[in-house]
């Protein structure tokens, strides 16, 4: 929720889903899941469905506050700061031939490592070295797939945080190639 710079990733496209299943993002860490659908699909009789965590008032309060925070600035921050982060990572792609692609929306961005942009051969060992070098410098990032680093920071990320993170990432790449 909100991570891609819109409330839902489907909002970026000409797509109107029949059903949306929501979990981690709505509870801010508390155990809650939500299934949202058009009224004509949700015509169950009362009692036809039950849930282990259904009706938990603490989780519901957390989800309502989460939605409020998202609607009152965090979604927009994800779009704005995410674009700034992506721009910084794209500058590094122009600097380093080992970055094959920078892709994503909002604060969900992937940086793909390759041996070079001519062959585009995956470079998983380099990705792993960069990940460890970032950790050693105080930046926690995660690998995804075989040769990509996934950037999915908190939605409260600031441009100043991005500047520090991109600088550390730059240093880590330089130390790893």
Protein backbone atom coordinates (compact mmCIF):
# COMPACT_ATOMS: atom_id res chain seq x y z
CA UNK A 1 0.00 0.00 0.00
CA UNK A 2 1.47 3.27 -1.13
CA UNK A 3 4.91 1.85 -1.91
CA UNK A 4 4.69 2.45 -5.68
CA UNK A 5 3.66 6.09 -5.32
CA UNK A 6 -0.04 5.29 -5.66
CA UNK A 7 -2.26 3.60 -3.09
CA UNK A 8 -2.12 0.36 -5.11
CA UNK A 9 0.18 -0.65 -7.98
CA UNK A 10 -2.89 -1.26 -10.14
CA UNK A 11 -3.60 2.50 -9.95
CA UNK A 12 -0.64 3.11 -12.30
CA UNK A 13 -2.38 1.26 -15.09
CA UNK A 14 -5.77 1.25 -16.77
CA UNK A 15 -6.85 -1.55 -14.48
CA UNK A 16 -9.87 -1.88 -12.22
CA UNK A 17 -9.42 -5.07 -10.20
CA UNK A 18 -12.44 -7.14 -9.16
CA UNK A 19 -10.72 -8.17 -5.93
CA UNK A 20 -7.75 -6.73 -4.04
CA UNK A 21 -6.12 -8.69 -1.23
CA UNK A 22 -4.20 -6.55 1.26
CA UNK A 23 -2.08 -7.69 4.20
CA UNK A 24 1.33 -6.49 5.42
CA UNK A 25 1.00 -2.88 4.32
CA UNK A 26 -2.37 -2.19 5.89
CA UNK A 27 -1.52 -3.21 9.46
CA UNK A 28 1.88 -1.55 9.82
CA UNK A 29 3.27 -4.80 11.20
CA UNK A 30 0.21 -6.12 13.00
CA UNK A 31 -1.52 -9.31 11.81
CA UNK A 32 -4.38 -8.26 9.58
CA UNK A 33 -5.48 -9.11 6.09
CA UNK A 34 -8.25 -7.58 4.03
CA UNK A 35 -10.09 -8.81 0.96
CA UNK A 36 -11.75 -5.92 -0.88
CA UNK A 37 -14.13 -6.59 -3.76
CA UNK A 38 -17.03 -5.13 -5.64
CA UNK A 39 -20.33 -5.39 -3.73
CA UNK A 40 -21.81 -7.83 -6.24
CA UNK A 41 -18.94 -10.25 -5.52
CA UNK A 42 -19.21 -9.91 -1.74
CA UNK A 43 -22.80 -11.08 -1.38
CA UNK A 44 -22.12 -13.67 1.35
CA UNK A 45 -24.68 -14.22 4.05
CA UNK A 46 -23.63 -13.23 7.61
CA UNK A 47 -21.62 -16.04 9.16
CA UNK A 48 -20.58 -17.55 5.82
CA UNK A 49 -16.97 -16.61 6.44
CA UNK A 50 -14.79 -16.56 9.55
CA UNK A 51 -11.20 -15.61 10.28
CA UNK A 52 -8.68 -16.42 13.00
CA UNK A 53 -7.81 -12.74 13.39
CA UNK A 54 -11.18 -11.36 12.27
CA UNK A 55 -12.44 -8.38 14.20
CA UNK A 56 -9.26 -7.72 16.20
CA UNK A 57 -9.85 -4.11 17.39
CA UNK A 58 -6.15 -3.29 17.84
CA UNK A 59 -5.32 -4.40 14.30
CA UNK A 60 -8.32 -2.56 12.89
CA UNK A 61 -7.26 0.64 14.71
CA UNK A 62 -3.74 0.23 13.30
CA UNK A 63 -5.06 -0.26 9.78
CA UNK A 64 -7.30 2.81 10.00
CA UNK A 65 -4.33 4.90 11.18
CA UNK A 66 -2.15 3.43 8.43
CA UNK A 67 -4.70 4.42 5.78
CA UNK A 68 -4.89 7.91 7.28
CA UNK A 69 -1.09 8.30 7.17
CA UNK A 70 -0.94 7.00 3.61
CA UNK A 71 -3.67 9.34 2.40
CA UNK A 72 -2.18 12.32 4.27
CA UNK A 73 1.25 12.29 2.69
CA UNK A 74 3.05 8.96 2.67
CA UNK A 75 1.80 7.89 -0.77
CA UNK A 76 2.87 11.25 -2.23
CA UNK A 77 6.21 11.00 -0.40
CA UNK A 78 6.73 7.57 -1.92
CA UNK A 79 6.15 9.00 -5.40
CA UNK A 80 8.33 12.08 -4.90
CA UNK A 81 11.22 10.55 -2.96
CA UNK A 82 11.02 7.39 -5.05
CA UNK A 83 11.53 9.41 -8.24
CA UNK A 84 14.49 11.15 -6.58
CA UNK A 85 16.00 7.80 -5.54
CA UNK A 86 15.48 6.32 -9.00
CA UNK A 87 17.16 9.35 -10.57
CA UNK A 88 20.18 8.93 -8.27
CA UNK A 89 20.42 5.23 -9.10
CA UNK A 90 20.13 5.99 -12.83
CA UNK A 91 23.11 8.37 -12.48
CA UNK A 92 25.07 5.46 -11.00
CA UNK A 93 23.96 3.30 -13.94
CA UNK A 94 25.53 5.85 -16.30
CA UNK A 95 28.70 5.73 -14.17
CA UNK A 96 29.00 1.94 -13.88
CA UNK A 97 28.75 -0.51 -16.79
CA UNK A 98 27.94 -3.26 -14.27
CA UNK A 99 24.46 -1.81 -13.65
CA UNK A 100 22.31 -3.27 -16.39
CA UNK A 101 18.98 -1.76 -15.40
CA UNK A 102 17.25 0.43 -12.85
CA UNK A 103 13.50 -0.15 -12.76
CA UNK A 104 10.54 0.38 -10.51
CA UNK A 105 7.81 2.66 -9.27
CA UNK A 106 7.86 4.87 -6.19
CA UNK A 107 9.86 3.30 -3.38
CA UNK A 108 10.09 -0.14 -4.96
CA UNK A 109 13.12 -0.11 -7.23
CA UNK A 110 15.37 -2.84 -8.58
CA UNK A 111 19.01 -2.38 -9.58
CA UNK A 112 20.23 -5.19 -11.80
CA UNK A 113 23.92 -6.15 -11.85
CA UNK A 114 25.48 -7.52 -15.04
CA UNK A 115 29.01 -8.27 -16.20
CA UNK A 116 28.56 -5.52 -18.81
CA UNK A 117 25.69 -3.87 -20.67
CA UNK A 118 26.71 -5.38 -24.01
CA UNK A 119 26.22 -9.00 -22.95
CA UNK A 120 23.80 -8.25 -20.08
CA UNK A 121 25.05 -11.45 -18.46
CA UNK A 122 23.84 -11.60 -14.84
CA UNK A 123 26.50 -10.89 -12.21
CA UNK A 124 25.19 -12.51 -9.00
CA UNK A 125 28.60 -12.60 -7.29
CA UNK A 126 29.03 -8.87 -7.85
CA UNK A 127 25.54 -8.22 -6.53
CA UNK A 128 26.41 -10.19 -3.40
CA UNK A 129 29.67 -8.26 -2.91
CA UNK A 130 27.84 -4.94 -3.29
CA UNK A 131 25.19 -6.05 -0.80
CA UNK A 132 27.84 -6.95 1.81
CA UNK A 133 29.85 -3.77 1.11
CA UNK A 134 26.69 -1.72 1.69
CA UNK A 135 26.04 -3.55 4.96
CA UNK A 136 29.62 -2.92 6.07
CA UNK A 137 29.02 0.80 5.47
CA UNK A 138 25.71 0.88 7.37
CA UNK A 139 23.21 0.50 4.51
CA UNK A 140 20.94 -2.53 4.63
CA UNK A 141 19.68 -3.58 1.21
CA UNK A 142 18.41 -6.92 0.00
CA UNK A 143 19.13 -9.06 -2.99
CA UNK A 144 16.21 -10.16 -5.13
CA UNK A 145 16.32 -12.80 -7.81
CA UNK A 146 19.78 -13.80 -8.96
CA UNK A 147 21.44 -10.46 -9.67
CA UNK A 148 19.21 -7.60 -8.52
CA UNK A 149 19.21 -5.43 -5.44
CA UNK A 150 15.77 -4.41 -4.27
CA UNK A 151 15.26 -0.98 -2.80
CA UNK A 152 12.08 -0.90 -0.71
CA UNK A 153 12.79 1.55 2.11
CA UNK A 154 10.24 2.91 4.58
CA UNK A 155 7.70 5.31 3.10
CA UNK A 156 8.98 8.06 5.44
CA UNK A 157 12.29 8.18 3.55
CA UNK A 158 13.57 11.70 2.86
CA UNK A 159 15.67 13.15 0.04
CA UNK A 160 18.48 13.59 2.57
CA UNK A 161 18.28 9.87 3.42
CA UNK A 162 18.46 9.09 -0.30
CA UNK A 163 21.59 11.20 -0.74
CA UNK A 164 23.36 9.24 2.00
CA UNK A 165 22.15 5.87 0.70
CA UNK A 166 23.14 6.56 -2.91
CA UNK A 167 26.57 7.75 -1.78
CA UNK A 168 27.08 4.54 0.22
CA UNK A 169 25.83 2.47 -2.73
CA UNK A 170 28.27 4.26 -5.03
CA UNK A 171 31.18 3.55 -2.63
CA UNK A 172 30.10 -0.10 -2.29
CA UNK A 173 29.99 -0.62 -6.05
CA UNK A 174 33.40 1.03 -6.53
CA UNK A 175 34.86 -1.21 -3.82
CA UNK A 176 33.28 -4.36 -5.29
CA UNK A 177 34.17 -4.18 -9.00
